[in-house]
Structures are given as structure tokens and as C-alpha cells.
């Protein structure tokens, strides 16, 4: 099966090994049944350690936005995750993680997406995923505000990190408008 072979290649990738402060551990979870694809930036330290995408507090918030529990998130093949970079890029001493290296997306993104023909909706979580898929160069916040313009194929989201809690509090429209739409789309995906 072509997707299985590609996933083996991705998991064996060491293209960024010289730049990473640790052994590469590519994290990607997709299947031929994937209909909802979640594209974040790159795994964080906890995800690097566990090997499970969004296996941290940001994942808890994301699952809340999706209206699903942890078992569904990891157990339903119709939900897939493929970040812009598959390996944890390391922690910036100034705070936060380093941005995802472009090399990963350049090496793998087109090939991987070509093997996922059943994807109906892609969640673009954060500026890097939005820039890659939409060609946006402006503010991530403006892209998220204009979320309806990218439907039905894409839904831009802020990163569910605690760092964006203040933005979410100042922008209650997000949880009033976007998350109900997202929960409804997830229900549709899981119902079919």
C-alpha cells in the first residue's frame, strides 16, 4: 500500500538530524480513511516523548474545540494529524519552541497529501500551516477572523496553546462562532 510505505519513509527520516538537539522522532498519524486532517506546526517536547500528536494541554483544548474525547481523537482513523514538521524542533531559550523547519514540509507534504484523497476538511492550526496551505503572509489572527473565506476545504485556527488564552478571552466570537461550526463538521465526519 503506497501510504504505508510513505509513512515508513517519514518515520525513518533523518534529514534534519544535524540541526536538532535530539534524535529525530517523526510524529504523524494518518490512514487511508482520514477525512479530517489536523495540520499543526510541529510536535512539542511532550509529543516528542510520547509519540502521540497533541498529547499535551493544547491537545486537551483542541479536543474540546472538536467536541471529542481522547479515545476518539486517537482511535478513529477518520481523524488524522500531520504537522508542517514531523519532529520537535527544540525549545528556543527566549521562550516557546523553534518554528518548524521548512525542509520537512518541502520533503513530505505534497507526497503525503496525495495519499490522502478522502480528506474533506483540513484544520490549519497556527500561522505556519496557514501560510503553507493558503499562501497567507499577514497576521494569523486576521486569517482566523476570515475563517469562512477558506471553507469548505480549510479551517484556519489559532494554536490551542495556553499562550493564546488571552487572545481567546478578548475574542469570544471564536468560541461562539467557530467552535460550534467545527463541532458540527466533526460530527458529520464521524457520522459517515
N, C-alpha and C. Protein backbone atom coordinates (compact mmCIF):
# COMPACT_ATOMS: atom_id res chain seq x y z
N UNK A 1 0.84 -1.18 0.00
CA UNK A 1 0.00 0.00 0.00
C UNK A 1 0.89 1.24 0.00
N UNK A 2 0.70 2.18 -0.92
CA UNK A 2 1.60 3.34 -1.04
C UNK A 2 1.69 4.19 0.22
N UNK A 3 0.57 4.42 0.93
CA UNK A 3 0.61 5.25 2.14
C UNK A 3 1.47 4.59 3.22
N UNK A 4 1.34 3.29 3.39
CA UNK A 4 2.14 2.60 4.40
C UNK A 4 3.63 2.77 4.13
N UNK A 5 4.03 2.63 2.88
CA UNK A 5 5.43 2.81 2.52
C UNK A 5 5.91 4.22 2.76
N UNK A 6 5.07 5.18 2.43
CA UNK A 6 5.43 6.59 2.65
C UNK A 6 5.57 6.88 4.14
N UNK A 7 4.66 6.36 4.95
CA UNK A 7 4.75 6.58 6.40
C UNK A 7 6.01 5.94 6.97
N UNK A 8 6.42 4.81 6.44
CA UNK A 8 7.68 4.19 6.88
C UNK A 8 8.86 5.11 6.54
N UNK A 9 8.83 5.68 5.33
CA UNK A 9 9.90 6.61 4.94
C UNK A 9 9.94 7.82 5.86
N UNK A 10 8.75 8.39 6.15
CA UNK A 10 8.69 9.56 7.01
C UNK A 10 9.24 9.23 8.39
N UNK A 11 8.82 8.11 8.94
CA UNK A 11 9.26 7.75 10.30
C UNK A 11 10.75 7.44 10.37
N UNK A 12 11.34 7.11 9.24
CA UNK A 12 12.78 6.84 9.19
C UNK A 12 13.58 8.09 8.82
N UNK A 13 12.92 9.19 8.53
CA UNK A 13 13.60 10.41 8.05
C UNK A 13 14.57 10.96 9.10
N UNK A 14 15.74 11.34 8.63
CA UNK A 14 16.75 11.97 9.48
C UNK A 14 17.32 13.21 8.79
N UNK A 15 16.55 13.82 7.90
CA UNK A 15 17.03 14.96 7.11
C UNK A 15 17.44 16.14 7.97
N UNK A 16 16.82 16.33 9.11
CA UNK A 16 17.13 17.49 9.97
C UNK A 16 17.97 17.10 11.18
N UNK A 17 18.47 15.89 11.22
CA UNK A 17 19.18 15.39 12.40
C UNK A 17 20.33 16.30 12.83
N UNK A 18 21.05 16.86 11.89
CA UNK A 18 22.20 17.70 12.24
C UNK A 18 21.78 19.00 12.93
N UNK A 19 20.55 19.45 12.69
CA UNK A 19 20.09 20.71 13.29
C UNK A 19 19.29 20.53 14.57
N UNK A 20 18.88 19.31 14.87
CA UNK A 20 18.05 19.07 16.05
C UNK A 20 18.90 18.80 17.28
N UNK A 21 18.44 19.24 18.45
CA UNK A 21 19.20 18.98 19.68
C UNK A 21 18.94 17.60 20.28
N UNK A 22 18.29 16.72 19.52
CA UNK A 22 17.91 15.39 19.99
C UNK A 22 17.74 14.49 18.77
N UNK A 23 17.56 13.21 19.02
CA UNK A 23 17.33 12.25 17.94
C UNK A 23 15.96 12.54 17.31
N UNK A 24 15.89 12.59 15.98
CA UNK A 24 14.59 12.82 15.34
C UNK A 24 13.59 11.71 15.70
N UNK A 25 12.35 12.12 15.87
CA UNK A 25 11.26 11.16 16.11
C UNK A 25 10.03 11.70 15.39
N UNK A 26 9.92 11.45 14.09
CA UNK A 26 8.78 11.97 13.33
C UNK A 26 7.45 11.45 13.89
N UNK A 27 6.52 12.36 14.07
CA UNK A 27 5.19 12.04 14.59
C UNK A 27 4.16 12.42 13.53
N UNK A 28 3.45 11.42 13.03
CA UNK A 28 2.37 11.64 12.06
C UNK A 28 1.39 10.49 12.22
N UNK A 29 0.09 10.81 12.18
CA UNK A 29 -0.96 9.78 12.33
C UNK A 29 -2.02 10.03 11.27
N UNK A 30 -1.95 9.28 10.21
CA UNK A 30 -2.95 9.35 9.14
C UNK A 30 -3.22 7.94 8.65
N UNK A 31 -4.31 7.78 7.92
CA UNK A 31 -4.65 6.49 7.33
C UNK A 31 -5.39 6.75 6.03
N UNK A 32 -5.62 5.73 5.23
CA UNK A 32 -6.41 5.92 4.00
C UNK A 32 -7.83 6.43 4.29
N UNK A 33 -8.32 6.20 5.52
CA UNK A 33 -9.67 6.63 5.89
C UNK A 33 -9.73 8.08 6.38
N UNK A 34 -8.59 8.75 6.51
CA UNK A 34 -8.57 10.11 7.06
C UNK A 34 -9.46 11.04 6.24
N UNK A 35 -10.40 11.67 6.93
CA UNK A 35 -11.32 12.63 6.30
C UNK A 35 -11.15 14.03 6.89
N UNK A 36 -10.73 14.11 8.14
CA UNK A 36 -10.44 15.38 8.80
C UNK A 36 -8.96 15.36 9.14
N UNK A 37 -8.22 16.29 8.53
CA UNK A 37 -6.77 16.33 8.72
C UNK A 37 -6.42 17.56 9.56
N UNK A 38 -5.68 17.33 10.63
CA UNK A 38 -5.25 18.41 11.52
C UNK A 38 -3.79 18.68 11.24
N UNK A 39 -3.51 19.90 10.78
CA UNK A 39 -2.14 20.31 10.46
C UNK A 39 -1.70 21.39 11.42
N UNK A 40 -0.87 21.01 12.36
CA UNK A 40 -0.30 21.96 13.29
C UNK A 40 1.04 22.44 12.79
N UNK A 41 1.86 22.92 13.72
CA UNK A 41 3.17 23.46 13.35
C UNK A 41 4.23 22.37 13.41
N UNK A 42 4.46 21.85 14.62
CA UNK A 42 5.44 20.79 14.84
C UNK A 42 5.17 20.22 16.22
N UNK A 43 5.59 18.99 16.47
CA UNK A 43 5.39 18.42 17.80
C UNK A 43 6.14 19.22 18.86
N UNK A 44 5.56 19.29 20.03
CA UNK A 44 6.25 19.87 21.18
C UNK A 44 7.05 18.79 21.90
N UNK A 45 7.69 19.18 22.98
CA UNK A 45 8.53 18.24 23.73
C UNK A 45 7.74 17.03 24.23
N UNK A 46 6.56 17.26 24.82
CA UNK A 46 5.76 16.14 25.34
C UNK A 46 5.34 15.19 24.22
N UNK A 47 4.99 15.74 23.07
CA UNK A 47 4.61 14.90 21.92
C UNK A 47 5.83 14.13 21.42
N UNK A 48 6.98 14.77 21.40
CA UNK A 48 8.22 14.09 21.00
C UNK A 48 8.46 12.88 21.91
N UNK A 49 8.22 13.06 23.20
CA UNK A 49 8.47 11.98 24.15
C UNK A 49 7.45 10.86 24.04
N UNK A 50 6.17 11.21 23.83
CA UNK A 50 5.12 10.18 23.81
C UNK A 50 4.91 9.57 22.42
N UNK A 51 5.18 10.35 21.37
CA UNK A 51 4.91 9.89 20.01
C UNK A 51 3.46 10.07 19.59
N UNK A 52 2.65 10.72 20.43
CA UNK A 52 1.24 10.96 20.12
C UNK A 52 1.02 12.45 19.83
N UNK A 53 0.46 12.80 18.67
CA UNK A 53 0.22 14.22 18.37
C UNK A 53 -0.77 14.83 19.35
N UNK A 54 -0.53 16.06 19.73
CA UNK A 54 -1.39 16.82 20.63
C UNK A 54 -1.61 16.09 21.96
N UNK A 55 -0.56 15.46 22.45
CA UNK A 55 -0.60 14.74 23.73
C UNK A 55 -0.13 15.66 24.85
N UNK A 56 -0.85 16.78 24.99
CA UNK A 56 -0.48 17.78 25.98
C UNK A 56 -1.70 18.66 26.25
N UNK A 57 -1.52 19.73 27.01
CA UNK A 57 -2.65 20.61 27.35
C UNK A 57 -3.26 21.25 26.11
N UNK A 58 -2.45 21.57 25.11
CA UNK A 58 -3.02 22.15 23.88
C UNK A 58 -3.91 21.13 23.18
N UNK A 59 -3.57 19.86 23.29
CA UNK A 59 -4.41 18.81 22.73
C UNK A 59 -5.75 18.71 23.45
N UNK A 60 -5.73 18.93 24.76
CA UNK A 60 -6.99 18.93 25.52
C UNK A 60 -7.91 20.04 25.01
N UNK A 61 -7.33 21.23 24.80
CA UNK A 61 -8.14 22.35 24.30
C UNK A 61 -8.62 22.06 22.87
N UNK A 62 -7.75 21.51 22.03
CA UNK A 62 -8.15 21.19 20.66
C UNK A 62 -9.29 20.18 20.66
N UNK A 63 -9.18 19.14 21.46
CA UNK A 63 -10.25 18.14 21.52
C UNK A 63 -11.56 18.77 22.00
N UNK A 64 -11.46 19.73 22.90
CA UNK A 64 -12.66 20.45 23.34
C UNK A 64 -13.26 21.22 22.17
N UNK A 65 -12.43 21.90 21.39
CA UNK A 65 -12.93 22.61 20.21
C UNK A 65 -13.59 21.65 19.23
N UNK A 66 -13.04 20.44 19.10
CA UNK A 66 -13.58 19.44 18.18
C UNK A 66 -14.83 18.76 18.72
N UNK A 67 -15.01 18.81 20.04
CA UNK A 67 -16.15 18.16 20.66
C UNK A 67 -16.00 16.65 20.75
N UNK A 68 -14.76 16.19 20.91
CA UNK A 68 -14.50 14.75 21.01
C UNK A 68 -13.60 14.45 22.20
N UNK A 69 -13.61 13.19 22.60
CA UNK A 69 -12.75 12.79 23.71
C UNK A 69 -11.41 12.25 23.18
N UNK A 70 -10.55 11.97 24.11
CA UNK A 70 -9.20 11.49 23.78
C UNK A 70 -9.24 10.15 23.02
N UNK A 71 -10.12 9.25 23.45
CA UNK A 71 -10.21 7.94 22.79
C UNK A 71 -10.61 8.09 21.33
N UNK A 72 -11.55 8.96 21.04
CA UNK A 72 -11.96 9.19 19.65
C UNK A 72 -10.84 9.85 18.86
N UNK A 73 -10.20 10.83 19.46
CA UNK A 73 -9.12 11.56 18.79
C UNK A 73 -8.03 10.61 18.31
N UNK A 74 -7.63 9.68 19.16
CA UNK A 74 -6.55 8.76 18.81
C UNK A 74 -7.03 7.46 18.18
N UNK A 75 -8.32 7.14 18.32
CA UNK A 75 -8.78 5.85 17.87
C UNK A 75 -9.57 5.81 16.58
N UNK A 76 -10.01 6.97 16.09
CA UNK A 76 -10.83 6.98 14.88
C UNK A 76 -9.96 7.32 13.68
N UNK A 77 -9.87 6.39 12.74
CA UNK A 77 -8.99 6.56 11.57
C UNK A 77 -9.43 7.69 10.66
N UNK A 78 -10.64 8.19 10.84
CA UNK A 78 -11.11 9.31 10.00
C UNK A 78 -10.51 10.64 10.44
N UNK A 79 -9.87 10.66 11.61
CA UNK A 79 -9.18 11.84 12.11
C UNK A 79 -7.68 11.61 11.97
N UNK A 80 -6.99 12.51 11.28
CA UNK A 80 -5.56 12.36 11.10
C UNK A 80 -4.82 13.63 11.51
N UNK A 81 -3.56 13.47 11.85
CA UNK A 81 -2.71 14.62 12.19
C UNK A 81 -1.40 14.53 11.43
N UNK A 82 -1.05 15.64 10.82
CA UNK A 82 0.21 15.74 10.08
C UNK A 82 0.66 17.18 10.14
N UNK A 83 1.57 17.46 11.06
CA UNK A 83 2.06 18.83 11.25
C UNK A 83 2.93 19.27 10.07
N UNK A 84 3.27 20.54 10.05
CA UNK A 84 4.14 21.07 9.00
C UNK A 84 5.55 20.48 9.09
N UNK A 85 5.97 20.17 10.29
CA UNK A 85 7.23 19.44 10.53
C UNK A 85 6.88 18.29 11.46
N UNK A 86 7.46 17.14 11.22
CA UNK A 86 7.09 15.95 11.98
C UNK A 86 7.92 15.74 13.23
N UNK A 87 9.01 16.48 13.38
CA UNK A 87 9.88 16.33 14.54
C UNK A 87 9.86 17.59 15.40
N UNK A 88 10.04 17.40 16.69
CA UNK A 88 10.15 18.50 17.64
C UNK A 88 11.39 19.32 17.27
N UNK A 89 11.22 20.63 16.99
CA UNK A 89 12.36 21.44 16.56
C UNK A 89 13.25 21.93 17.69
N UNK A 90 12.87 21.72 18.93
CA UNK A 90 13.65 22.19 20.06
C UNK A 90 13.04 23.44 20.67
N UNK A 91 13.52 23.77 21.85
CA UNK A 91 12.99 24.90 22.61
C UNK A 91 13.89 26.11 22.44
N UNK A 92 13.29 27.22 22.11
CA UNK A 92 14.01 28.50 21.99
C UNK A 92 14.29 29.01 23.40
N UNK A 93 15.53 29.37 23.71
CA UNK A 93 15.84 29.89 25.05
C UNK A 93 15.03 31.14 25.40
N UNK A 94 14.52 31.85 24.40
CA UNK A 94 13.72 33.05 24.64
C UNK A 94 12.28 32.70 25.00
N UNK A 95 11.91 31.44 24.88
CA UNK A 95 10.55 31.00 25.20
C UNK A 95 9.88 30.37 24.00
N UNK A 96 9.10 29.35 24.26
CA UNK A 96 8.41 28.64 23.19
C UNK A 96 9.33 27.71 22.43
N UNK A 97 8.78 27.07 21.44
CA UNK A 97 9.57 26.16 20.60
C UNK A 97 10.03 26.88 19.35
N UNK A 98 11.08 26.37 18.76
CA UNK A 98 11.52 26.91 17.48
C UNK A 98 10.45 26.65 16.43
N UNK A 99 10.41 27.46 15.37
CA UNK A 99 9.43 27.21 14.31
C UNK A 99 9.76 25.92 13.56
N UNK A 100 8.77 25.35 12.89
CA UNK A 100 9.03 24.12 12.14
C UNK A 100 9.98 24.39 10.97
N UNK A 101 10.97 23.55 10.78
CA UNK A 101 11.85 23.74 9.62
C UNK A 101 11.09 23.48 8.32
N UNK A 102 11.26 24.36 7.34
CA UNK A 102 10.56 24.23 6.06
C UNK A 102 10.94 22.94 5.33
N UNK A 103 12.13 22.47 5.57
CA UNK A 103 12.62 21.29 4.86
C UNK A 103 11.65 20.12 4.98
N UNK A 104 11.08 19.94 6.15
CA UNK A 104 10.17 18.80 6.36
C UNK A 104 8.97 18.89 5.43
N UNK A 105 8.31 20.04 5.40
CA UNK A 105 7.15 20.21 4.52
C UNK A 105 7.56 20.07 3.06
N UNK A 106 8.71 20.63 2.71
CA UNK A 106 9.17 20.54 1.32
C UNK A 106 9.45 19.09 0.92
N UNK A 107 9.96 18.29 1.84
CA UNK A 107 10.26 16.89 1.54
C UNK A 107 9.01 16.02 1.47
N UNK A 108 8.04 16.26 2.36
CA UNK A 108 6.99 15.28 2.57
C UNK A 108 5.57 15.72 2.27
N UNK A 109 5.26 17.00 2.37
CA UNK A 109 3.87 17.46 2.36
C UNK A 109 3.10 17.04 1.10
N UNK A 110 3.61 17.35 -0.06
CA UNK A 110 2.88 17.04 -1.31
C UNK A 110 2.66 15.54 -1.45
N UNK A 111 3.69 14.74 -1.16
CA UNK A 111 3.55 13.29 -1.29
C UNK A 111 2.51 12.74 -0.31
N UNK A 112 2.54 13.26 0.92
CA UNK A 112 1.60 12.76 1.92
C UNK A 112 0.17 13.15 1.55
N UNK A 113 -0.06 14.39 1.20
CA UNK A 113 -1.42 14.83 0.86
C UNK A 113 -1.96 14.08 -0.36
N UNK A 114 -1.09 13.73 -1.28
CA UNK A 114 -1.52 12.97 -2.46
C UNK A 114 -2.03 11.58 -2.08
N UNK A 115 -1.60 11.06 -0.96
CA UNK A 115 -2.03 9.73 -0.50
C UNK A 115 -3.24 9.79 0.43
N UNK A 116 -3.82 11.00 0.59
CA UNK A 116 -4.98 11.17 1.46
C UNK A 116 -6.15 11.75 0.66
N UNK A 117 -6.69 11.00 -0.28
CA UNK A 117 -7.72 11.54 -1.17
C UNK A 117 -9.09 11.75 -0.53
N UNK A 118 -9.29 11.21 0.67
CA UNK A 118 -10.61 11.33 1.30
C UNK A 118 -10.74 12.50 2.25
N UNK A 119 -9.70 13.32 2.37
CA UNK A 119 -9.76 14.47 3.28
C UNK A 119 -10.79 15.47 2.78
N UNK A 120 -11.74 15.78 3.65
CA UNK A 120 -12.80 16.75 3.33
C UNK A 120 -12.53 18.12 3.95
N UNK A 121 -11.87 18.12 5.11
CA UNK A 121 -11.58 19.36 5.81
C UNK A 121 -10.21 19.25 6.43
N UNK A 122 -9.42 20.31 6.26
CA UNK A 122 -8.10 20.40 6.87
C UNK A 122 -8.11 21.55 7.85
N UNK A 123 -7.78 21.25 9.10
CA UNK A 123 -7.65 22.29 10.12
C UNK A 123 -6.23 22.82 10.06
N UNK A 124 -6.10 24.11 9.82
CA UNK A 124 -4.79 24.75 9.72
C UNK A 124 -4.52 25.44 11.06
N UNK A 125 -3.78 24.75 11.90
CA UNK A 125 -3.56 25.19 13.28
C UNK A 125 -2.27 25.99 13.35
N UNK A 126 -2.40 27.31 13.42
CA UNK A 126 -1.24 28.18 13.53
C UNK A 126 -0.79 28.78 12.21
N UNK A 127 0.06 29.77 12.33
CA UNK A 127 0.50 30.57 11.18
C UNK A 127 1.25 29.77 10.13
N UNK A 128 2.09 28.84 10.55
CA UNK A 128 2.91 28.10 9.58
C UNK A 128 2.04 27.23 8.68
N UNK A 129 1.08 26.54 9.25
CA UNK A 129 0.17 25.71 8.44
C UNK A 129 -0.68 26.57 7.53
N UNK A 130 -1.12 27.72 8.03
CA UNK A 130 -1.95 28.63 7.23
C UNK A 130 -1.15 29.21 6.07
N UNK A 131 0.08 29.62 6.33
CA UNK A 131 0.91 30.19 5.26
C UNK A 131 1.17 29.15 4.17
N UNK A 132 1.44 27.92 4.56
CA UNK A 132 1.75 26.87 3.58
C UNK A 132 0.54 26.57 2.70
N UNK A 133 -0.62 26.37 3.33
CA UNK A 133 -1.80 25.95 2.58
C UNK A 133 -2.50 27.09 1.86
N UNK A 134 -2.52 28.26 2.48
CA UNK A 134 -3.28 29.38 1.94
C UNK A 134 -2.43 30.44 1.27
N UNK A 135 -1.12 30.37 1.48
CA UNK A 135 -0.25 31.40 0.94
C UNK A 135 -0.36 32.72 1.67
N UNK A 136 -0.91 32.69 2.89
CA UNK A 136 -1.08 33.93 3.65
C UNK A 136 0.26 34.42 4.16
N UNK A 137 0.40 35.70 4.16
CA UNK A 137 1.63 36.32 4.67
C UNK A 137 1.33 37.33 5.77
N UNK A 138 0.07 37.57 6.02
CA UNK A 138 -0.31 38.56 7.02
C UNK A 138 -0.45 37.93 8.39
N UNK A 139 -1.25 38.55 9.21
CA UNK A 139 -1.47 38.13 10.57
C UNK A 139 -2.28 36.84 10.63
N UNK A 140 -1.84 35.92 11.47
CA UNK A 140 -2.60 34.70 11.68
C UNK A 140 -3.98 35.05 12.23
N UNK A 141 -4.03 36.07 13.05
CA UNK A 141 -5.31 36.46 13.66
C UNK A 141 -6.30 36.93 12.60
N UNK A 142 -5.81 37.65 11.61
CA UNK A 142 -6.70 38.08 10.52
C UNK A 142 -7.15 36.89 9.69
N UNK A 143 -6.28 35.94 9.48
CA UNK A 143 -6.66 34.73 8.74
C UNK A 143 -7.75 33.97 9.50
N UNK A 144 -7.58 33.86 10.82
CA UNK A 144 -8.59 33.18 11.63
C UNK A 144 -9.91 33.96 11.60
N UNK A 145 -9.83 35.29 11.67
CA UNK A 145 -11.06 36.10 11.61
C UNK A 145 -11.81 35.89 10.30
N UNK A 146 -11.08 35.65 9.23
CA UNK A 146 -11.70 35.42 7.92
C UNK A 146 -11.92 33.94 7.63
N UNK A 147 -12.16 33.15 8.63
CA UNK A 147 -12.24 31.69 8.52
C UNK A 147 -13.23 31.21 7.48
N UNK A 148 -14.35 31.91 7.34
CA UNK A 148 -15.39 31.45 6.39
C UNK A 148 -14.91 31.49 4.94
N UNK A 149 -13.98 32.37 4.63
CA UNK A 149 -13.49 32.51 3.25
C UNK A 149 -12.73 31.28 2.78
N UNK A 150 -12.30 30.44 3.69
CA UNK A 150 -11.47 29.28 3.33
C UNK A 150 -12.24 27.96 3.34
N UNK A 151 -13.50 28.03 3.71
CA UNK A 151 -14.35 26.84 3.73
C UNK A 151 -14.76 26.47 2.31
N UNK A 152 -15.09 25.26 2.02
CA UNK A 152 -15.23 24.12 2.92
C UNK A 152 -13.95 23.29 3.08
N UNK A 153 -12.90 23.64 2.35
CA UNK A 153 -11.70 22.81 2.35
C UNK A 153 -10.81 23.02 3.57
N UNK A 154 -10.67 24.27 3.99
CA UNK A 154 -9.77 24.61 5.09
C UNK A 154 -10.50 25.37 6.19
N UNK A 155 -10.03 25.19 7.41
CA UNK A 155 -10.50 25.99 8.54
C UNK A 155 -9.27 26.43 9.33
N UNK A 156 -8.92 27.73 9.23
CA UNK A 156 -7.77 28.22 9.99
C UNK A 156 -8.14 28.40 11.47
N UNK A 157 -7.25 27.94 12.33
CA UNK A 157 -7.45 28.03 13.78
C UNK A 157 -6.21 28.61 14.43
N UNK A 158 -6.37 29.28 15.57
CA UNK A 158 -5.19 29.63 16.35
C UNK A 158 -4.63 28.36 16.97
N UNK A 159 -3.40 28.42 17.39
CA UNK A 159 -2.87 27.27 18.11
C UNK A 159 -3.59 27.18 19.45
N UNK A 160 -3.96 25.97 19.88
CA UNK A 160 -4.69 25.85 21.14
C UNK A 160 -3.80 25.95 22.38
N UNK A 161 -2.62 26.45 22.24
CA UNK A 161 -1.68 26.60 23.34
C UNK A 161 -2.20 27.57 24.41
N UNK A 162 -1.72 27.38 25.63
CA UNK A 162 -2.03 28.31 26.71
C UNK A 162 -1.58 29.72 26.37
N UNK A 163 -0.58 29.86 25.51
CA UNK A 163 -0.08 31.19 25.14
C UNK A 163 -1.16 32.04 24.44
N UNK A 164 -2.18 31.38 23.90
CA UNK A 164 -3.24 32.12 23.20
C UNK A 164 -4.50 32.31 24.04
N UNK A 165 -4.43 31.99 25.31
CA UNK A 165 -5.59 32.13 26.19
C UNK A 165 -6.07 33.58 26.24
N UNK A 166 -5.16 34.52 26.33
CA UNK A 166 -5.54 35.93 26.38
C UNK A 166 -6.27 36.34 25.10
N UNK A 167 -5.77 35.90 23.94
CA UNK A 167 -6.43 36.22 22.67
C UNK A 167 -7.85 35.64 22.65
N UNK A 168 -7.98 34.41 23.09
CA UNK A 168 -9.30 33.76 23.10
C UNK A 168 -10.27 34.51 24.00
N UNK A 169 -9.80 35.01 25.13
CA UNK A 169 -10.67 35.78 26.03
C UNK A 169 -11.08 37.11 25.41
N UNK A 170 -10.18 37.73 24.66
CA UNK A 170 -10.50 39.02 24.02
C UNK A 170 -11.32 38.85 22.75
N UNK A 171 -11.43 37.64 22.25
CA UNK A 171 -12.15 37.36 21.01
C UNK A 171 -13.18 36.25 21.23
N UNK A 172 -14.22 36.53 22.01
CA UNK A 172 -15.21 35.49 22.32
C UNK A 172 -15.96 34.99 21.09
N UNK A 173 -15.92 35.73 19.98
CA UNK A 173 -16.57 35.27 18.75
C UNK A 173 -16.00 33.93 18.29
N UNK A 174 -14.72 33.67 18.61
CA UNK A 174 -14.12 32.42 18.16
C UNK A 174 -14.87 31.22 18.73
N UNK A 175 -15.05 31.21 20.04
CA UNK A 175 -15.75 30.08 20.65
C UNK A 175 -17.26 30.15 20.44
N UNK A 176 -17.78 31.33 20.11
CA UNK A 176 -19.21 31.46 19.84
C UNK A 176 -19.57 31.07 18.41
N UNK A 177 -18.66 31.27 17.46
CA UNK A 177 -18.95 31.02 16.05
C UNK A 177 -18.17 29.85 15.46
N UNK A 178 -16.86 29.84 15.68
CA UNK A 178 -16.01 28.85 15.02
C UNK A 178 -16.15 27.47 15.65
N UNK A 179 -16.07 27.39 16.97
CA UNK A 179 -16.11 26.05 17.57
C UNK A 179 -17.44 25.33 17.36
N UNK A 180 -18.61 26.01 17.39
CA UNK A 180 -19.84 25.26 17.06
C UNK A 180 -19.82 24.73 15.63
N UNK A 181 -19.31 25.53 14.69
CA UNK A 181 -19.19 25.07 13.31
C UNK A 181 -18.27 23.85 13.24
N UNK A 182 -17.13 23.95 13.92
CA UNK A 182 -16.16 22.86 13.89
C UNK A 182 -16.74 21.58 14.50
N UNK A 183 -17.41 21.70 15.63
CA UNK A 183 -18.02 20.53 16.27
C UNK A 183 -19.05 19.88 15.34
N UNK A 184 -19.81 20.69 14.64
CA UNK A 184 -20.79 20.15 13.71
C UNK A 184 -20.11 19.41 12.57
N UNK A 185 -19.05 19.98 12.01
CA UNK A 185 -18.32 19.31 10.92
C UNK A 185 -17.70 18.00 11.40
N UNK A 186 -17.17 18.00 12.61
CA UNK A 186 -16.59 16.76 13.15
C UNK A 186 -17.67 15.70 13.30
N UNK A 187 -18.84 16.09 13.80
CA UNK A 187 -19.96 15.13 13.92
C UNK A 187 -20.32 14.56 12.55
N UNK A 188 -20.31 15.40 11.52
CA UNK A 188 -20.62 14.93 10.17
C UNK A 188 -19.58 13.92 9.69
N UNK A 189 -18.33 14.22 9.92
CA UNK A 189 -17.23 13.32 9.51
C UNK A 189 -17.38 11.97 10.22
N UNK A 190 -17.66 12.00 11.50
CA UNK A 190 -17.72 10.76 12.27
C UNK A 190 -19.03 10.01 12.06
N UNK A 191 -20.03 10.67 11.51
CA UNK A 191 -21.31 10.01 11.28
C UNK A 191 -21.33 9.20 9.99
N UNK A 192 -20.42 9.50 9.09
CA UNK A 192 -20.46 8.82 7.79
C UNK A 192 -19.48 7.66 7.75
